[in-house]
């Protein structure tokens, strides 16, 4: 076991331990990713008149529109509420991802 520049070059056990630790972190990150993908987040707009549910991976689950938000003379308002609810849900999905995966430092 030689030394190079003050570092012990014969630490095969340390390398194996490091590899096991990296593999464990990767497994934990994959588990967290699966939890995120299965989670649901809800965004809303217009005081709850429009609600959007997304999976944590941002796939849509449902859109709920209160009948009082439907005004045939103001379709643009309803469209804006849907977009705002989608943006709200997307932001919550991003927050969920950051809270669950932030400790992995961009592994995923």
PDB file of N, CA and C in Angstrom:
ATOM      1  N   UNK A   1       0.846  -1.166   0.000  1.00  0.00           N
ATOM      2  CA  UNK A   1       0.000   0.000   0.000  1.00  0.00           C
ATOM      3  C   UNK A   1       0.897   1.236   0.000  1.00  0.00           C
ATOM      4  N   UNK A   2       1.011   1.868  -1.112  1.00  0.00           N
ATOM      5  CA  UNK A   2       1.913   2.997  -1.222  1.00  0.00           C
ATOM      6  C   UNK A   2       1.253   4.305  -0.863  1.00  0.00           C
ATOM      7  N   UNK A   3       2.111   5.283  -0.687  1.00  0.00           N
ATOM      8  CA  UNK A   3       1.605   6.629  -0.411  1.00  0.00           C
ATOM      9  C   UNK A   3       1.976   7.527  -1.570  1.00  0.00           C
ATOM     10  N   UNK A   4       1.122   8.458  -1.848  1.00  0.00           N
ATOM     11  CA  UNK A   4       1.375   9.407  -2.929  1.00  0.00           C
ATOM     12  C   UNK A   4       0.997  10.783  -2.422  1.00  0.00           C
ATOM     13  N   UNK A   5       1.968  11.643  -2.278  1.00  0.00           N
ATOM     14  CA  UNK A   5       1.698  13.009  -1.828  1.00  0.00           C
ATOM     15  C   UNK A   5       1.039  13.063  -0.474  1.00  0.00           C
ATOM     16  N   UNK A   6       1.323  12.097   0.399  1.00  0.00           N
ATOM     17  CA  UNK A   6       0.735  12.113   1.731  1.00  0.00           C
ATOM     18  C   UNK A   6      -0.609  11.407   1.804  1.00  0.00           C
ATOM     19  N   UNK A   7      -1.131  10.923   0.675  1.00  0.00           N
ATOM     20  CA  UNK A   7      -2.406  10.220   0.663  1.00  0.00           C
ATOM     21  C   UNK A   7      -2.161   8.730   0.565  1.00  0.00           C
ATOM     22  N   UNK A   8      -2.870   7.957   1.333  1.00  0.00           N
ATOM     23  CA  UNK A   8      -2.745   6.510   1.293  1.00  0.00           C
ATOM     24  C   UNK A   8      -3.487   6.000   0.069  1.00  0.00           C
ATOM     25  N   UNK A   9      -2.800   5.335  -0.827  1.00  0.00           N
ATOM     26  CA  UNK A   9      -3.395   4.870  -2.084  1.00  0.00           C
ATOM     27  C   UNK A   9      -3.936   3.452  -1.947  1.00  0.00           C
ATOM     28  N   UNK A  10      -3.837   2.835  -0.790  1.00  0.00           N
ATOM     29  CA  UNK A  10      -4.273   1.456  -0.648  1.00  0.00           C
ATOM     30  C   UNK A  10      -5.610   1.318   0.036  1.00  0.00           C
ATOM     31  N   UNK A  11      -6.445   2.318   0.048  1.00  0.00           N
ATOM     32  CA  UNK A  11      -7.714   2.308   0.775  1.00  0.00           C
ATOM     33  C   UNK A  11      -8.864   1.724  -0.008  1.00  0.00           C
ATOM     34  N   UNK A  12      -8.735   0.492  -0.512  1.00  0.00           N
ATOM     35  CA  UNK A  12      -9.806  -0.134  -1.280  1.00  0.00           C
ATOM     36  C   UNK A  12     -11.103  -0.235  -0.507  1.00  0.00           C
ATOM     37  N   UNK A  13     -11.012  -0.485   0.811  1.00  0.00           N
ATOM     38  CA  UNK A  13     -12.213  -0.569   1.640  1.00  0.00           C
ATOM     39  C   UNK A  13     -12.951   0.754   1.710  1.00  0.00           C
ATOM     40  N   UNK A  14     -12.202   1.850   1.741  1.00  0.00           N
ATOM     41  CA  UNK A  14     -12.826   3.168   1.779  1.00  0.00           C
ATOM     42  C   UNK A  14     -13.575   3.449   0.485  1.00  0.00           C
ATOM     43  N   UNK A  15     -13.010   3.015  -0.634  1.00  0.00           N
ATOM     44  CA  UNK A  15     -13.666   3.229  -1.927  1.00  0.00           C
ATOM     45  C   UNK A  15     -14.966   2.427  -1.996  1.00  0.00           C
ATOM     46  N   UNK A  16     -14.941   1.197  -1.484  1.00  0.00           N
ATOM     47  CA  UNK A  16     -16.157   0.377  -1.487  1.00  0.00           C
ATOM     48  C   UNK A  16     -17.224   1.004  -0.603  1.00  0.00           C
ATOM     49  N   UNK A  17     -16.820   1.521   0.543  1.00  0.00           N
ATOM     50  CA  UNK A  17     -17.771   2.176   1.441  1.00  0.00           C
ATOM     51  C   UNK A  17     -18.359   3.411   0.774  1.00  0.00           C
ATOM     52  N   UNK A  18     -17.521   4.159   0.069  1.00  0.00           N
ATOM     53  CA  UNK A  18     -17.992   5.343  -0.640  1.00  0.00           C
ATOM     54  C   UNK A  18     -18.981   4.953  -1.741  1.00  0.00           C
ATOM     55  N   UNK A  19     -18.687   3.889  -2.448  1.00  0.00           N
ATOM     56  CA  UNK A  19     -19.586   3.423  -3.512  1.00  0.00           C
ATOM     57  C   UNK A  19     -20.925   2.960  -2.933  1.00  0.00           C
ATOM     58  N   UNK A  20     -20.884   2.255  -1.796  1.00  0.00           N
ATOM     59  CA  UNK A  20     -22.127   1.815  -1.142  1.00  0.00           C
ATOM     60  C   UNK A  20     -22.953   3.020  -0.711  1.00  0.00           C
ATOM     61  N   UNK A  21     -22.275   4.036  -0.177  1.00  0.00           N
ATOM     62  CA  UNK A  21     -22.964   5.249   0.256  1.00  0.00           C
ATOM     63  C   UNK A  21     -23.600   5.961  -0.940  1.00  0.00           C
ATOM     64  N   UNK A  22     -22.881   6.038  -2.043  1.00  0.00           N
ATOM     65  CA  UNK A  22     -23.420   6.678  -3.247  1.00  0.00           C
ATOM     66  C   UNK A  22     -24.619   5.898  -3.777  1.00  0.00           C
ATOM     67  N   UNK A  23     -24.534   4.575  -3.755  1.00  0.00           N
ATOM     68  CA  UNK A  23     -25.645   3.751  -4.227  1.00  0.00           C
ATOM     69  C   UNK A  23     -26.862   3.936  -3.324  1.00  0.00           C
ATOM     70  N   UNK A  24     -26.647   4.005  -2.018  1.00  0.00           N
ATOM     71  CA  UNK A  24     -27.747   4.213  -1.076  1.00  0.00           C
ATOM     72  C   UNK A  24     -28.414   5.570  -1.328  1.00  0.00           C
ATOM     73  N   UNK A  25     -27.606   6.604  -1.549  1.00  0.00           N
ATOM     74  CA  UNK A  25     -28.171   7.930  -1.833  1.00  0.00           C
ATOM     75  C   UNK A  25     -28.981   7.910  -3.120  1.00  0.00           C
ATOM     76  N   UNK A  26     -28.483   7.202  -4.128  1.00  0.00           N
ATOM     77  CA  UNK A  26     -29.216   7.122  -5.390  1.00  0.00           C
ATOM     78  C   UNK A  26     -30.550   6.407  -5.181  1.00  0.00           C
ATOM     79  N   UNK A  27     -30.559   5.332  -4.401  1.00  0.00           N
ATOM     80  CA  UNK A  27     -31.803   4.618  -4.112  1.00  0.00           C
ATOM     81  C   UNK A  27     -32.778   5.510  -3.368  1.00  0.00           C
ATOM     82  N   UNK A  28     -32.276   6.287  -2.400  1.00  0.00           N
ATOM     83  CA  UNK A  28     -33.139   7.214  -1.661  1.00  0.00           C
ATOM     84  C   UNK A  28     -33.700   8.293  -2.582  1.00  0.00           C
ATOM     85  N   UNK A  29     -32.880   8.777  -3.498  1.00  0.00           N
ATOM     86  CA  UNK A  29     -33.334   9.798  -4.442  1.00  0.00           C
ATOM     87  C   UNK A  29     -34.408   9.236  -5.368  1.00  0.00           C
ATOM     88  N   UNK A  30     -34.231   8.005  -5.820  1.00  0.00           N
ATOM     89  CA  UNK A  30     -35.242   7.381  -6.677  1.00  0.00           C
ATOM     90  C   UNK A  30     -36.549   7.162  -5.922  1.00  0.00           C
ATOM     91  N   UNK A  31     -36.445   6.782  -4.662  1.00  0.00           N
ATOM     92  CA  UNK A  31     -37.643   6.601  -3.830  1.00  0.00           C
ATOM     93  C   UNK A  31     -38.363   7.937  -3.649  1.00  0.00           C
ATOM     94  N   UNK A  32     -37.596   8.987  -3.369  1.00  0.00           N
ATOM     95  CA  UNK A  32     -38.190  10.319  -3.212  1.00  0.00           C
ATOM     96  C   UNK A  32     -38.853  10.767  -4.514  1.00  0.00           C
ATOM     97  N   UNK A  33     -38.209  10.488  -5.648  1.00  0.00           N
ATOM     98  CA  UNK A  33     -38.788  10.841  -6.947  1.00  0.00           C
ATOM     99  C   UNK A  33     -40.113  10.117  -7.158  1.00  0.00           C
ATOM    100  N   UNK A  34     -40.186   8.842  -6.802  1.00  0.00           N
ATOM    101  CA  UNK A  34     -41.434   8.085  -6.944  1.00  0.00           C
ATOM    102  C   UNK A  34     -42.517   8.661  -6.043  1.00  0.00           C
ATOM    103  N   UNK A  35     -42.141   9.071  -4.833  1.00  0.00           N
ATOM    104  CA  UNK A  35     -43.111   9.690  -3.926  1.00  0.00           C
ATOM    105  C   UNK A  35     -43.640  10.998  -4.513  1.00  0.00           C
ATOM    106  N   UNK A  36     -42.761  11.770  -5.111  1.00  0.00           N
ATOM    107  CA  UNK A  36     -43.171  13.030  -5.741  1.00  0.00           C
ATOM    108  C   UNK A  36     -44.132  12.752  -6.889  1.00  0.00           C
ATOM    109  N   UNK A  37     -43.771  11.788  -7.730  1.00  0.00           N
ATOM    110  CA  UNK A  37     -44.604  11.474  -8.888  1.00  0.00           C
ATOM    111  C   UNK A  37     -46.001  11.035  -8.483  1.00  0.00           C
ATOM    112  N   UNK A  38     -46.128  10.339  -7.339  1.00  0.00           N
ATOM    113  CA  UNK A  38     -47.430   9.850  -6.871  1.00  0.00           C
ATOM    114  C   UNK A  38     -48.215  10.900  -6.091  1.00  0.00           C
ATOM    115  N   UNK A  39     -47.542  11.899  -5.565  1.00  0.00           N
ATOM    116  CA  UNK A  39     -48.215  12.926  -4.761  1.00  0.00           C
ATOM    117  C   UNK A  39     -49.107  13.788  -5.645  1.00  0.00           C
ATOM    118  N   UNK A  40     -50.090  14.405  -5.026  1.00  0.00           N
ATOM    119  CA  UNK A  40     -50.959  15.342  -5.741  1.00  0.00           C
ATOM    120  C   UNK A  40     -50.879  16.710  -5.075  1.00  0.00           C
ATOM    121  N   UNK A  41     -50.862  17.743  -5.893  1.00  0.00           N
ATOM    122  CA  UNK A  41     -50.879  19.115  -5.404  1.00  0.00           C
ATOM    123  C   UNK A  41     -52.072  19.827  -6.031  1.00  0.00           C
ATOM    124  N   UNK A  42     -52.618  20.776  -5.303  1.00  0.00           N
ATOM    125  CA  UNK A  42     -53.776  21.512  -5.802  1.00  0.00           C
ATOM    126  C   UNK A  42     -53.438  22.991  -5.911  1.00  0.00           C
ATOM    127  N   UNK A  43     -53.791  23.555  -7.047  1.00  0.00           N
ATOM    128  CA  UNK A  43     -53.682  24.990  -7.239  1.00  0.00           C
ATOM    129  C   UNK A  43     -55.071  25.564  -7.424  1.00  0.00           C
ATOM    130  N   UNK A  44     -55.230  26.816  -7.050  1.00  0.00           N
ATOM    131  CA  UNK A  44     -56.548  27.427  -7.205  1.00  0.00           C
ATOM    132  C   UNK A  44     -56.402  28.893  -7.592  1.00  0.00           C
ATOM    133  N   UNK A  45     -57.511  29.429  -8.071  1.00  0.00           N
ATOM    134  CA  UNK A  45     -57.558  30.840  -8.453  1.00  0.00           C
ATOM    135  C   UNK A  45     -58.982  31.336  -8.266  1.00  0.00           C
ATOM    136  N   UNK A  46     -59.112  32.644  -8.213  1.00  0.00           N
ATOM    137  CA  UNK A  46     -60.438  33.241  -8.066  1.00  0.00           C
ATOM    138  C   UNK A  46     -61.113  32.869  -6.763  1.00  0.00           C
ATOM    139  N   UNK A  47     -60.326  32.817  -5.692  1.00  0.00           N
ATOM    140  CA  UNK A  47     -60.911  32.471  -4.396  1.00  0.00           C
ATOM    141  C   UNK A  47     -61.436  31.044  -4.359  1.00  0.00           C
ATOM    142  N   UNK A  48     -60.842  30.170  -5.159  1.00  0.00           N
ATOM    143  CA  UNK A  48     -61.252  28.766  -5.177  1.00  0.00           C
ATOM    144  C   UNK A  48     -62.287  28.443  -6.240  1.00  0.00           C
ATOM    145  N   UNK A  49     -62.631  29.443  -7.076  1.00  0.00           N
ATOM    146  CA  UNK A  49     -63.617  29.172  -8.127  1.00  0.00           C
ATOM    147  C   UNK A  49     -63.075  28.191  -9.156  1.00  0.00           C
ATOM    148  N   UNK A  50     -61.762  28.183  -9.361  1.00  0.00           N
ATOM    149  CA  UNK A  50     -61.125  27.241 -10.275  1.00  0.00           C
ATOM    150  C   UNK A  50     -60.037  26.521  -9.496  1.00  0.00           C
ATOM    151  N   UNK A  51     -60.096  25.182  -9.544  1.00  0.00           N
ATOM    152  CA  UNK A  51     -59.087  24.361  -8.869  1.00  0.00           C
ATOM    153  C   UNK A  51     -58.501  23.378  -9.874  1.00  0.00           C
ATOM    154  N   UNK A  52     -57.189  23.202  -9.774  1.00  0.00           N
ATOM    155  CA  UNK A  52     -56.476  22.269 -10.634  1.00  0.00           C
ATOM    156  C   UNK A  52     -55.670  21.340  -9.732  1.00  0.00           C
ATOM    157  N   UNK A  53     -55.754  20.044 -10.007  1.00  0.00           N
ATOM    158  CA  UNK A  53     -54.955  19.061  -9.284  1.00  0.00           C
ATOM    159  C   UNK A  53     -53.962  18.468 -10.275  1.00  0.00           C
ATOM    160  N   UNK A  54     -52.688  18.488  -9.858  1.00  0.00           N
ATOM    161  CA  UNK A  54     -51.612  17.905 -10.655  1.00  0.00           C
ATOM    162  C   UNK A  54     -50.913  16.841  -9.822  1.00  0.00           C
ATOM    163  N   UNK A  55     -50.354  15.858 -10.501  1.00  0.00           N
ATOM    164  CA  UNK A  55     -49.435  14.943  -9.841  1.00  0.00           C
ATOM    165  C   UNK A  55     -48.145  15.731  -9.587  1.00  0.00           C
ATOM    166  N   UNK A  56     -47.306  15.233  -8.718  1.00  0.00           N
ATOM    167  CA  UNK A  56     -46.045  15.897  -8.427  1.00  0.00           C
ATOM    168  C   UNK A  56     -45.149  16.025  -9.649  1.00  0.00           C
ATOM    169  N   UNK A  57     -45.352  15.146 -10.636  1.00  0.00           N
ATOM    170  CA  UNK A  57     -44.586  15.233 -11.876  1.00  0.00           C
ATOM    171  C   UNK A  57     -45.239  16.178 -12.882  1.00  0.00           C
ATOM    172  N   UNK A  58     -46.240  16.905 -12.416  1.00  0.00           N
ATOM    173  CA  UNK A  58     -46.955  17.951 -13.160  1.00  0.00           C
ATOM    174  C   UNK A  58     -47.938  17.418 -14.196  1.00  0.00           C
ATOM    175  N   UNK A  59     -48.248  16.131 -14.149  1.00  0.00           N
ATOM    176  CA  UNK A  59     -49.301  15.613 -15.016  1.00  0.00           C
ATOM    177  C   UNK A  59     -50.651  15.979 -14.418  1.00  0.00           C
ATOM    178  N   UNK A  60     -51.573  16.500 -15.242  1.00  0.00           N
ATOM    179  CA  UNK A  60     -52.872  16.920 -14.712  1.00  0.00           C
ATOM    180  C   UNK A  60     -53.730  15.744 -14.268  1.00  0.00           C
ATOM    181  N   UNK A  61     -54.462  15.960 -13.172  1.00  0.00           N
ATOM    182  CA  UNK A  61     -55.387  14.967 -12.653  1.00  0.00           C
ATOM    183  C   UNK A  61     -56.819  15.438 -12.869  1.00  0.00           C
ATOM    184  N   UNK A  62     -57.076  16.703 -12.481  1.00  0.00           N
ATOM    185  CA  UNK A  62     -58.442  17.209 -12.621  1.00  0.00           C
ATOM    186  C   UNK A  62     -58.468  18.726 -12.638  1.00  0.00           C
ATOM    187  N   UNK A  63     -59.563  19.237 -13.194  1.00  0.00           N
ATOM    188  CA  UNK A  63     -59.868  20.668 -13.176  1.00  0.00           C
ATOM    189  C   UNK A  63     -61.305  20.788 -12.689  1.00  0.00           C
ATOM    190  N   UNK A  64     -61.525  21.632 -11.689  1.00  0.00           N
ATOM    191  CA  UNK A  64     -62.867  21.857 -11.157  1.00  0.00           C
ATOM    192  C   UNK A  64     -63.187  23.335 -11.298  1.00  0.00           C
ATOM    193  N   UNK A  65     -64.341  23.624 -11.901  1.00  0.00           N
ATOM    194  CA  UNK A  65     -64.752  25.016 -12.118  1.00  0.00           C
ATOM    195  C   UNK A  65     -66.105  25.223 -11.458  1.00  0.00           C
ATOM    196  N   UNK A  66     -66.162  26.159 -10.537  1.00  0.00           N
ATOM    197  CA  UNK A  66     -67.415  26.518  -9.895  1.00  0.00           C
ATOM    198  C   UNK A  66     -68.339  27.124 -10.956  1.00  0.00           C
ATOM    199  N   UNK A  67     -69.575  26.694 -11.021  1.00  0.00           N
ATOM    200  CA  UNK A  67     -70.501  27.229 -12.034  1.00  0.00           C
ATOM    201  C   UNK A  67     -70.619  28.756 -12.020  1.00  0.00           C
ATOM    202  N   UNK A  68     -70.410  29.371 -10.867  1.00  0.00           N
ATOM    203  CA  UNK A  68     -70.508  30.836 -10.807  1.00  0.00           C
ATOM    204  C   UNK A  68     -69.384  31.516 -11.578  1.00  0.00           C
ATOM    205  N   UNK A  69     -68.320  30.771 -11.893  1.00  0.00           N
ATOM    206  CA  UNK A  69     -67.201  31.336 -12.654  1.00  0.00           C
ATOM    207  C   UNK A  69     -67.461  31.311 -14.154  1.00  0.00           C
ATOM    208  N   UNK A  70     -68.548  30.656 -14.550  1.00  0.00           N
ATOM    209  CA  UNK A  70     -68.854  30.518 -15.978  1.00  0.00           C
ATOM    210  C   UNK A  70     -69.784  31.651 -16.398  1.00  0.00           C
ATOM    211  N   UNK A  71     -69.208  32.591 -17.109  1.00  0.00           N
ATOM    212  CA  UNK A  71     -69.970  33.719 -17.647  1.00  0.00           C
ATOM    213  C   UNK A  71     -69.751  33.729 -19.162  1.00  0.00           C
ATOM    214  N   UNK A  72     -70.767  33.364 -19.929  1.00  0.00           N
ATOM    215  CA  UNK A  72     -70.597  33.302 -21.391  1.00  0.00           C
ATOM    216  C   UNK A  72     -70.134  34.617 -22.004  1.00  0.00           C
ATOM    217  N   UNK A  73     -70.386  35.730 -21.309  1.00  0.00           N
ATOM    218  CA  UNK A  73     -69.968  37.025 -21.827  1.00  0.00           C
ATOM    219  C   UNK A  73     -68.534  37.385 -21.417  1.00  0.00           C
ATOM    220  N   UNK A  74     -67.899  36.548 -20.589  1.00  0.00           N
ATOM    221  CA  UNK A  74     -66.538  36.838 -20.147  1.00  0.00           C
ATOM    222  C   UNK A  74     -65.720  35.542 -20.075  1.00  0.00           C
ATOM    223  N   UNK A  75     -65.587  34.888 -21.192  1.00  0.00           N
ATOM    224  CA  UNK A  75     -64.835  33.638 -21.278  1.00  0.00           C
ATOM    225  C   UNK A  75     -63.354  33.887 -20.947  1.00  0.00           C
ATOM    226  N   UNK A  76     -62.852  35.056 -21.307  1.00  0.00           N
ATOM    227  CA  UNK A  76     -61.445  35.363 -21.036  1.00  0.00           C
ATOM    228  C   UNK A  76     -61.117  35.300 -19.552  1.00  0.00           C
ATOM    229  N   UNK A  77     -62.036  35.748 -18.698  1.00  0.00           N
ATOM    230  CA  UNK A  77     -61.792  35.693 -17.257  1.00  0.00           C
ATOM    231  C   UNK A  77     -61.633  34.236 -16.816  1.00  0.00           C
ATOM    232  N   UNK A  78     -62.491  33.364 -17.301  1.00  0.00           N
ATOM    233  CA  UNK A  78     -62.414  31.955 -16.935  1.00  0.00           C
ATOM    234  C   UNK A  78     -61.105  31.346 -17.437  1.00  0.00           C
ATOM    235  N   UNK A  79     -60.712  31.682 -18.653  1.00  0.00           N
ATOM    236  CA  UNK A  79     -59.444  31.198 -19.183  1.00  0.00           C
ATOM    237  C   UNK A  79     -58.277  31.659 -18.313  1.00  0.00           C
ATOM    238  N   UNK A  80     -58.315  32.926 -17.903  1.00  0.00           N
ATOM    239  CA  UNK A  80     -57.254  33.463 -17.037  1.00  0.00           C
ATOM    240  C   UNK A  80     -57.225  32.744 -15.686  1.00  0.00           C
ATOM    241  N   UNK A  81     -58.396  32.418 -15.145  1.00  0.00           N
ATOM    242  CA  UNK A  81     -58.457  31.707 -13.872  1.00  0.00           C
ATOM    243  C   UNK A  81     -57.878  30.297 -13.996  1.00  0.00           C
ATOM    244  N   UNK A  82     -58.173  29.630 -15.099  1.00  0.00           N
ATOM    245  CA  UNK A  82     -57.620  28.289 -15.316  1.00  0.00           C
ATOM    246  C   UNK A  82     -56.091  28.354 -15.405  1.00  0.00           C
ATOM    247  N   UNK A  83     -55.582  29.304 -16.151  1.00  0.00           N
ATOM    248  CA  UNK A  83     -54.127  29.460 -16.273  1.00  0.00           C
ATOM    249  C   UNK A  83     -53.519  29.783 -14.905  1.00  0.00           C
ATOM    250  N   UNK A  84     -54.150  30.665 -14.148  1.00  0.00           N
ATOM    251  CA  UNK A  84     -53.630  31.022 -12.821  1.00  0.00           C
ATOM    252  C   UNK A  84     -53.632  29.809 -11.892  1.00  0.00           C
ATOM    253  N   UNK A  85     -54.683  29.000 -11.938  1.00  0.00           N
ATOM    254  CA  UNK A  85     -54.745  27.795 -11.104  1.00  0.00           C
ATOM    255  C   UNK A  85     -53.669  26.796 -11.525  1.00  0.00           C
ATOM    256  N   UNK A  86     -53.443  26.658 -12.819  1.00  0.00           N
ATOM    257  CA  UNK A  86     -52.371  25.779 -13.309  1.00  0.00           C
ATOM    258  C   UNK A  86     -51.004  26.269 -12.835  1.00  0.00           C
ATOM    259  N   UNK A  87     -50.781  27.564 -12.917  1.00  0.00           N
ATOM    260  CA  UNK A  87     -49.510  28.138 -12.456  1.00  0.00           C
ATOM    261  C   UNK A  87     -49.316  27.914 -10.958  1.00  0.00           C
ATOM    262  N   UNK A  88     -50.394  28.048 -10.194  1.00  0.00           N
ATOM    263  CA  UNK A  88     -50.334  27.840  -8.749  1.00  0.00           C
ATOM    264  C   UNK A  88     -49.988  26.386  -8.440  1.00  0.00           C
ATOM    265  N   UNK A  89     -50.647  25.451  -9.123  1.00  0.00           N
ATOM    266  CA  UNK A  89     -50.375  24.033  -8.896  1.00  0.00           C
ATOM    267  C   UNK A  89     -48.953  23.672  -9.324  1.00  0.00           C
ATOM    268  N   UNK A  90     -48.493  24.230 -10.431  1.00  0.00           N
ATOM    269  CA  UNK A  90     -47.133  23.965 -10.904  1.00  0.00           C
ATOM    270  C   UNK A  90     -46.104  24.465  -9.891  1.00  0.00           C
ATOM    271  N   UNK A  91     -46.338  25.641  -9.332  1.00  0.00           N
ATOM    272  CA  UNK A  91     -45.424  26.182  -8.319  1.00  0.00           C
ATOM    273  C   UNK A  91     -45.388  25.271  -7.091  1.00  0.00           C
ATOM    274  N   UNK A  92     -46.542  24.739  -6.708  1.00  0.00           N
ATOM    275  CA  UNK A  92     -46.582  23.836  -5.553  1.00  0.00           C
ATOM    276  C   UNK A  92     -45.870  22.522  -5.860  1.00  0.00           C
ATOM    277  N   UNK A  93     -45.985  22.039  -7.097  1.00  0.00           N
ATOM    278  CA  UNK A  93     -45.260  20.827  -7.492  1.00  0.00           C
ATOM    279  C   UNK A  93     -43.753  21.077  -7.440  1.00  0.00           C
ATOM    280  N   UNK A  94     -43.333  22.264  -7.877  1.00  0.00           N
ATOM    281  CA  UNK A  94     -41.908  22.622  -7.817  1.00  0.00           C
ATOM    282  C   UNK A  94     -41.415  22.698  -6.372  1.00  0.00           C
ATOM    283  N   UNK A  95     -42.251  23.262  -5.489  1.00  0.00           N
ATOM    284  CA  UNK A  95     -41.893  23.341  -4.071  1.00  0.00           C
ATOM    285  C   UNK A  95     -41.763  21.942  -3.464  1.00  0.00           C
ATOM    286  N   UNK A  96     -42.688  21.056  -3.835  1.00  0.00           N
ATOM    287  CA  UNK A  96     -42.642  19.679  -3.344  1.00  0.00           C
ATOM    288  C   UNK A  96     -41.355  19.003  -3.794  1.00  0.00           C
ATOM    289  N   UNK A  97     -41.021  19.165  -5.056  1.00  0.00           N
ATOM    290  CA  UNK A  97     -39.798  18.566  -5.609  1.00  0.00           C
ATOM    291  C   UNK A  97     -38.568  19.111  -4.878  1.00  0.00           C
ATOM    292  N   UNK A  98     -38.519  20.413  -4.680  1.00  0.00           N
ATOM    293  CA  UNK A  98     -37.366  21.020  -4.006  1.00  0.00           C
ATOM    294  C   UNK A  98     -37.244  20.531  -2.569  1.00  0.00           C
ATOM    295  N   UNK A  99     -38.381  20.389  -1.879  1.00  0.00           N
ATOM    296  CA  UNK A  99     -38.322  19.960  -0.481  1.00  0.00           C
ATOM    297  C   UNK A  99     -37.914  18.502  -0.358  1.00  0.00           C
ATOM    298  N   UNK A 100     -38.297  17.673  -1.320  1.00  0.00           N
ATOM    299  CA  UNK A 100     -37.980  16.238  -1.240  1.00  0.00           C
ATOM    300  C   UNK A 100     -36.605  15.908  -1.837  1.00  0.00           C
ATOM    301  N   UNK A 101     -36.190  16.650  -2.859  1.00  0.00           N
ATOM    302  CA  UNK A 101     -34.963  16.302  -3.557  1.00  0.00           C
ATOM    303  C   UNK A 101     -33.808  17.267  -3.315  1.00  0.00           C
ATOM    304  N   UNK A 102     -34.061  18.366  -2.635  1.00  0.00           N
ATOM    305  CA  UNK A 102     -33.017  19.359  -2.429  1.00  0.00           C
ATOM    306  C   UNK A 102     -31.771  18.807  -1.762  1.00  0.00           C
ATOM    307  N   UNK A 103     -31.930  17.867  -0.871  1.00  0.00           N
ATOM    308  CA  UNK A 103     -30.765  17.323  -0.153  1.00  0.00           C
ATOM    309  C   UNK A 103     -29.879  16.450  -1.026  1.00  0.00           C
ATOM    310  N   UNK A 104     -30.380  16.090  -2.214  1.00  0.00           N
ATOM    311  CA  UNK A 104     -29.581  15.260  -3.108  1.00  0.00           C
ATOM    312  C   UNK A 104     -28.744  16.101  -4.077  1.00  0.00           C
ATOM    313  N   UNK A 105     -28.864  17.407  -4.004  1.00  0.00           N
ATOM    314  CA  UNK A 105     -28.003  18.309  -4.753  1.00  0.00           C
ATOM    315  C   UNK A 105     -28.009  18.104  -6.266  1.00  0.00           C
ATOM    316  N   UNK A 106     -29.201  17.921  -6.846  1.00  0.00           N
ATOM    317  CA  UNK A 106     -29.289  17.829  -8.296  1.00  0.00           C
ATOM    318  C   UNK A 106     -29.000  16.459  -8.867  1.00  0.00           C
ATOM    319  N   UNK A 107     -29.033  15.411  -8.037  1.00  0.00           N
ATOM    320  CA  UNK A 107     -28.810  14.056  -8.553  1.00  0.00           C
ATOM    321  C   UNK A 107     -29.880  13.662  -9.555  1.00  0.00           C
ATOM    322  N   UNK A 108     -31.087  14.192  -9.385  1.00  0.00           N
ATOM    323  CA  UNK A 108     -32.219  13.780 -10.227  1.00  0.00           C
ATOM    324  C   UNK A 108     -32.510  14.847 -11.249  1.00  0.00           C
TER     325      UNK A 108
END
